Amino acid sequence: MNDDKIENRITNLILELLLDARENGIDLLSFEDVCTMLGVDDMSLLTELERDENYILNHEYLEKLKDPEIRKAMIESFRATKH
């Protein structure tokens, strides 16, 4: 699997986690929560900043991400911004 496919897969997994969290009534996720949900089992490499990072879920935004076309456009936007 090439780097682009891996990056897209990880981005999709994170979006799925955010949508699942929202649907289960969770309004706040820590960076550590996200790593754990993605299967990262060694948190020793996280910096102090990452350990203290929290994400407040924007319900309106996440609702829009349920639309596959909007999700695809958002992923393309993330990639364009990153590169």
N, C-alpha and C. Protein backbone atom coordinates (compact mmCIF):
# COMPACT_ATOMS: atom_id res chain seq x y z
N MET A 1 0.86 -1.18 0.00
CA MET A 1 0.00 0.00 0.00
C MET A 1 0.90 1.23 0.00
N ASN A 2 0.64 2.19 -0.90
CA ASN A 2 1.50 3.37 -0.97
C ASN A 2 1.10 4.40 0.09
N ASP A 3 1.94 5.41 0.26
CA ASP A 3 1.75 6.41 1.30
C ASP A 3 0.41 7.15 1.19
N ASP A 4 0.00 7.47 -0.04
CA ASP A 4 -1.27 8.19 -0.23
C ASP A 4 -2.45 7.35 0.24
N LYS A 5 -2.42 6.06 -0.08
CA LYS A 5 -3.52 5.18 0.33
C LYS A 5 -3.55 5.03 1.85
N ILE A 6 -2.39 4.92 2.45
CA ILE A 6 -2.32 4.81 3.91
C ILE A 6 -2.84 6.09 4.56
N GLU A 7 -2.42 7.23 4.04
CA GLU A 7 -2.86 8.51 4.58
C GLU A 7 -4.38 8.67 4.44
N ASN A 8 -4.93 8.31 3.30
CA ASN A 8 -6.37 8.38 3.10
C ASN A 8 -7.10 7.45 4.05
N ARG A 9 -6.57 6.27 4.24
CA ARG A 9 -7.20 5.29 5.15
C ARG A 9 -7.21 5.82 6.58
N ILE A 10 -6.11 6.38 7.03
CA ILE A 10 -6.03 6.92 8.38
C ILE A 10 -7.00 8.09 8.54
N THR A 11 -7.04 8.97 7.55
CA THR A 11 -7.97 10.11 7.60
C THR A 11 -9.40 9.63 7.69
N ASN A 12 -9.76 8.64 6.88
CA ASN A 12 -11.12 8.09 6.93
C ASN A 12 -11.41 7.45 8.28
N LEU A 13 -10.45 6.75 8.84
CA LEU A 13 -10.65 6.13 10.16
C LEU A 13 -10.89 7.19 11.23
N ILE A 14 -10.12 8.26 11.19
CA ILE A 14 -10.29 9.33 12.18
C ILE A 14 -11.68 9.96 12.03
N LEU A 15 -12.10 10.21 10.80
CA LEU A 15 -13.44 10.77 10.58
C LEU A 15 -14.51 9.82 11.09
N GLU A 16 -14.35 8.53 10.86
CA GLU A 16 -15.31 7.54 11.36
C GLU A 16 -15.35 7.55 12.89
N LEU A 17 -14.18 7.66 13.51
CA LEU A 17 -14.13 7.72 14.98
C LEU A 17 -14.88 8.94 15.50
N LEU A 18 -14.67 10.07 14.85
CA LEU A 18 -15.35 11.29 15.29
C LEU A 18 -16.86 11.16 15.13
N LEU A 19 -17.30 10.59 14.01
CA LEU A 19 -18.73 10.39 13.80
C LEU A 19 -19.31 9.41 14.82
N ASP A 20 -18.59 8.32 15.08
CA ASP A 20 -19.05 7.35 16.07
C ASP A 20 -19.13 7.96 17.47
N ALA A 21 -18.12 8.75 17.80
CA ALA A 21 -18.12 9.40 19.12
C ALA A 21 -19.33 10.31 19.26
N ARG A 22 -19.59 11.08 18.23
CA ARG A 22 -20.73 12.00 18.26
C ARG A 22 -22.03 11.23 18.42
N GLU A 23 -22.19 10.15 17.67
CA GLU A 23 -23.41 9.35 17.75
C GLU A 23 -23.58 8.68 19.11
N ASN A 24 -22.49 8.52 19.84
CA ASN A 24 -22.55 7.92 21.17
C ASN A 24 -22.55 8.96 22.28
N GLY A 25 -22.79 10.22 21.91
CA GLY A 25 -22.93 11.27 22.91
C GLY A 25 -21.64 11.80 23.49
N ILE A 26 -20.52 11.51 22.85
CA ILE A 26 -19.22 12.00 23.33
C ILE A 26 -18.96 13.36 22.69
N ASP A 27 -18.66 14.35 23.50
CA ASP A 27 -18.43 15.70 23.00
C ASP A 27 -16.96 16.12 23.03
N LEU A 28 -16.11 15.31 23.65
CA LEU A 28 -14.71 15.68 23.81
C LEU A 28 -13.86 14.43 23.70
N LEU A 29 -12.83 14.50 22.86
CA LEU A 29 -11.86 13.41 22.73
C LEU A 29 -10.46 13.98 22.92
N SER A 30 -9.62 13.25 23.61
CA SER A 30 -8.22 13.66 23.74
C SER A 30 -7.43 13.04 22.58
N PHE A 31 -6.27 13.60 22.34
CA PHE A 31 -5.38 13.04 21.32
C PHE A 31 -5.06 11.59 21.68
N GLU A 32 -4.87 11.34 22.96
CA GLU A 32 -4.58 9.99 23.43
C GLU A 32 -5.75 9.05 23.17
N ASP A 33 -6.99 9.54 23.35
CA ASP A 33 -8.19 8.74 23.03
C ASP A 33 -8.17 8.32 21.57
N VAL A 34 -7.90 9.28 20.68
CA VAL A 34 -7.88 9.01 19.25
C VAL A 34 -6.80 7.98 18.93
N CYS A 35 -5.62 8.14 19.51
CA CYS A 35 -4.53 7.18 19.26
C CYS A 35 -4.93 5.78 19.73
N THR A 36 -5.53 5.70 20.90
CA THR A 36 -5.96 4.41 21.43
C THR A 36 -6.99 3.76 20.51
N MET A 37 -7.95 4.56 20.04
CA MET A 37 -8.98 4.04 19.15
C MET A 37 -8.41 3.57 17.82
N LEU A 38 -7.29 4.15 17.40
CA LEU A 38 -6.64 3.75 16.15
C LEU A 38 -5.68 2.58 16.35
N GLY A 39 -5.56 2.11 17.59
CA GLY A 39 -4.73 0.94 17.86
C GLY A 39 -3.30 1.25 18.23
N VAL A 40 -2.99 2.50 18.53
CA VAL A 40 -1.64 2.85 18.98
C VAL A 40 -1.53 2.37 20.43
N ASP A 41 -0.63 1.43 20.66
CA ASP A 41 -0.55 0.86 22.01
C ASP A 41 0.63 1.36 22.83
N ASP A 42 1.50 2.16 22.23
CA ASP A 42 2.64 2.71 22.96
C ASP A 42 2.51 4.23 23.02
N MET A 43 2.03 4.72 24.14
CA MET A 43 1.83 6.16 24.30
C MET A 43 3.08 6.87 24.82
N SER A 44 4.15 6.12 25.00
CA SER A 44 5.37 6.72 25.57
C SER A 44 6.01 7.75 24.65
N LEU A 45 5.69 7.70 23.36
CA LEU A 45 6.28 8.64 22.42
C LEU A 45 5.51 9.95 22.30
N LEU A 46 4.34 10.02 22.92
CA LEU A 46 3.55 11.26 22.86
C LEU A 46 4.25 12.37 23.62
N THR A 47 4.24 13.54 23.04
CA THR A 47 4.81 14.69 23.73
C THR A 47 3.84 15.18 24.80
N GLU A 48 4.31 16.04 25.68
CA GLU A 48 3.45 16.61 26.72
C GLU A 48 2.29 17.37 26.08
N LEU A 49 2.58 18.10 25.02
CA LEU A 49 1.54 18.84 24.31
C LEU A 49 0.46 17.90 23.77
N GLU A 50 0.88 16.80 23.16
CA GLU A 50 -0.09 15.84 22.62
C GLU A 50 -0.93 15.21 23.72
N ARG A 51 -0.31 14.94 24.87
CA ARG A 51 -1.05 14.34 25.99
C ARG A 51 -2.13 15.29 26.50
N ASP A 52 -1.88 16.59 26.42
CA ASP A 52 -2.83 17.58 26.93
C ASP A 52 -3.80 18.08 25.86
N GLU A 53 -3.67 17.59 24.64
CA GLU A 53 -4.52 18.04 23.52
C GLU A 53 -5.90 17.41 23.62
N ASN A 54 -6.94 18.24 23.50
CA ASN A 54 -8.32 17.76 23.51
C ASN A 54 -9.05 18.34 22.32
N TYR A 55 -10.02 17.59 21.82
CA TYR A 55 -10.81 18.02 20.68
C TYR A 55 -12.28 18.07 21.08
N ILE A 56 -12.86 19.24 20.94
CA ILE A 56 -14.30 19.40 21.17
C ILE A 56 -14.97 19.11 19.84
N LEU A 57 -15.91 18.19 19.85
CA LEU A 57 -16.54 17.78 18.61
C LEU A 57 -17.60 18.78 18.18
N ASN A 58 -17.51 19.20 16.94
CA ASN A 58 -18.47 20.13 16.35
C ASN A 58 -19.57 19.29 15.69
N HIS A 59 -20.72 19.22 16.35
CA HIS A 59 -21.79 18.33 15.90
C HIS A 59 -22.31 18.68 14.50
N GLU A 60 -22.43 19.96 14.21
CA GLU A 60 -22.92 20.39 12.89
C GLU A 60 -21.96 19.94 11.79
N TYR A 61 -20.68 20.13 12.03
CA TYR A 61 -19.63 19.73 11.09
C TYR A 61 -19.65 18.22 10.87
N LEU A 62 -19.74 17.46 11.96
CA LEU A 62 -19.73 16.01 11.85
C LEU A 62 -20.97 15.49 11.13
N GLU A 63 -22.08 16.15 11.34
CA GLU A 63 -23.31 15.76 10.64
C GLU A 63 -23.12 15.89 9.13
N LYS A 64 -22.47 16.96 8.69
CA LYS A 64 -22.21 17.17 7.26
C LYS A 64 -21.29 16.09 6.70
N LEU A 65 -20.37 15.58 7.53
CA LEU A 65 -19.41 14.58 7.06
C LEU A 65 -20.04 13.22 6.78
N LYS A 66 -21.29 13.05 7.14
CA LYS A 66 -21.98 11.80 6.82
C LYS A 66 -22.21 11.67 5.32
N ASP A 67 -22.26 12.80 4.62
CA ASP A 67 -22.43 12.80 3.17
C ASP A 67 -21.11 12.40 2.52
N PRO A 68 -21.09 11.30 1.75
CA PRO A 68 -19.84 10.81 1.15
C PRO A 68 -19.13 11.84 0.27
N GLU A 69 -19.88 12.66 -0.46
CA GLU A 69 -19.26 13.66 -1.33
C GLU A 69 -18.58 14.75 -0.51
N ILE A 70 -19.23 15.18 0.56
CA ILE A 70 -18.63 16.20 1.43
C ILE A 70 -17.39 15.63 2.10
N ARG A 71 -17.47 14.39 2.55
CA ARG A 71 -16.32 13.74 3.20
C ARG A 71 -15.15 13.65 2.22
N LYS A 72 -15.41 13.25 0.98
CA LYS A 72 -14.35 13.14 -0.01
C LYS A 72 -13.71 14.51 -0.26
N ALA A 73 -14.54 15.54 -0.39
CA ALA A 73 -14.02 16.90 -0.61
C ALA A 73 -13.20 17.36 0.59
N MET A 74 -13.65 17.02 1.79
CA MET A 74 -12.93 17.43 3.01
C MET A 74 -11.56 16.74 3.07
N ILE A 75 -11.51 15.47 2.73
CA ILE A 75 -10.23 14.74 2.74
C ILE A 75 -9.29 15.34 1.71
N GLU A 76 -9.80 15.66 0.54
CA GLU A 76 -8.96 16.28 -0.49
C GLU A 76 -8.46 17.64 0.00
N SER A 77 -9.29 18.37 0.70
CA SER A 77 -8.89 19.67 1.25
C SER A 77 -7.80 19.49 2.30
N PHE A 78 -7.96 18.49 3.18
CA PHE A 78 -6.93 18.21 4.20
C PHE A 78 -5.59 17.93 3.54
N ARG A 79 -5.63 17.09 2.51
CA ARG A 79 -4.39 16.71 1.83
C ARG A 79 -3.76 17.90 1.13
N ALA A 80 -4.57 18.74 0.50
CA ALA A 80 -4.05 19.92 -0.19
C ALA A 80 -3.41 20.88 0.79
N THR A 81 -4.00 21.02 1.94
CA THR A 81 -3.47 21.92 2.98
C THR A 81 -2.18 21.38 3.55
N LYS A 82 -2.12 20.06 3.74
CA LYS A 82 -0.93 19.42 4.33
C LYS A 82 0.26 19.51 3.40
N HIS A 83 0.05 19.31 2.13
CA HIS A 83 1.16 19.27 1.18
C HIS A 83 1.37 20.64 0.66
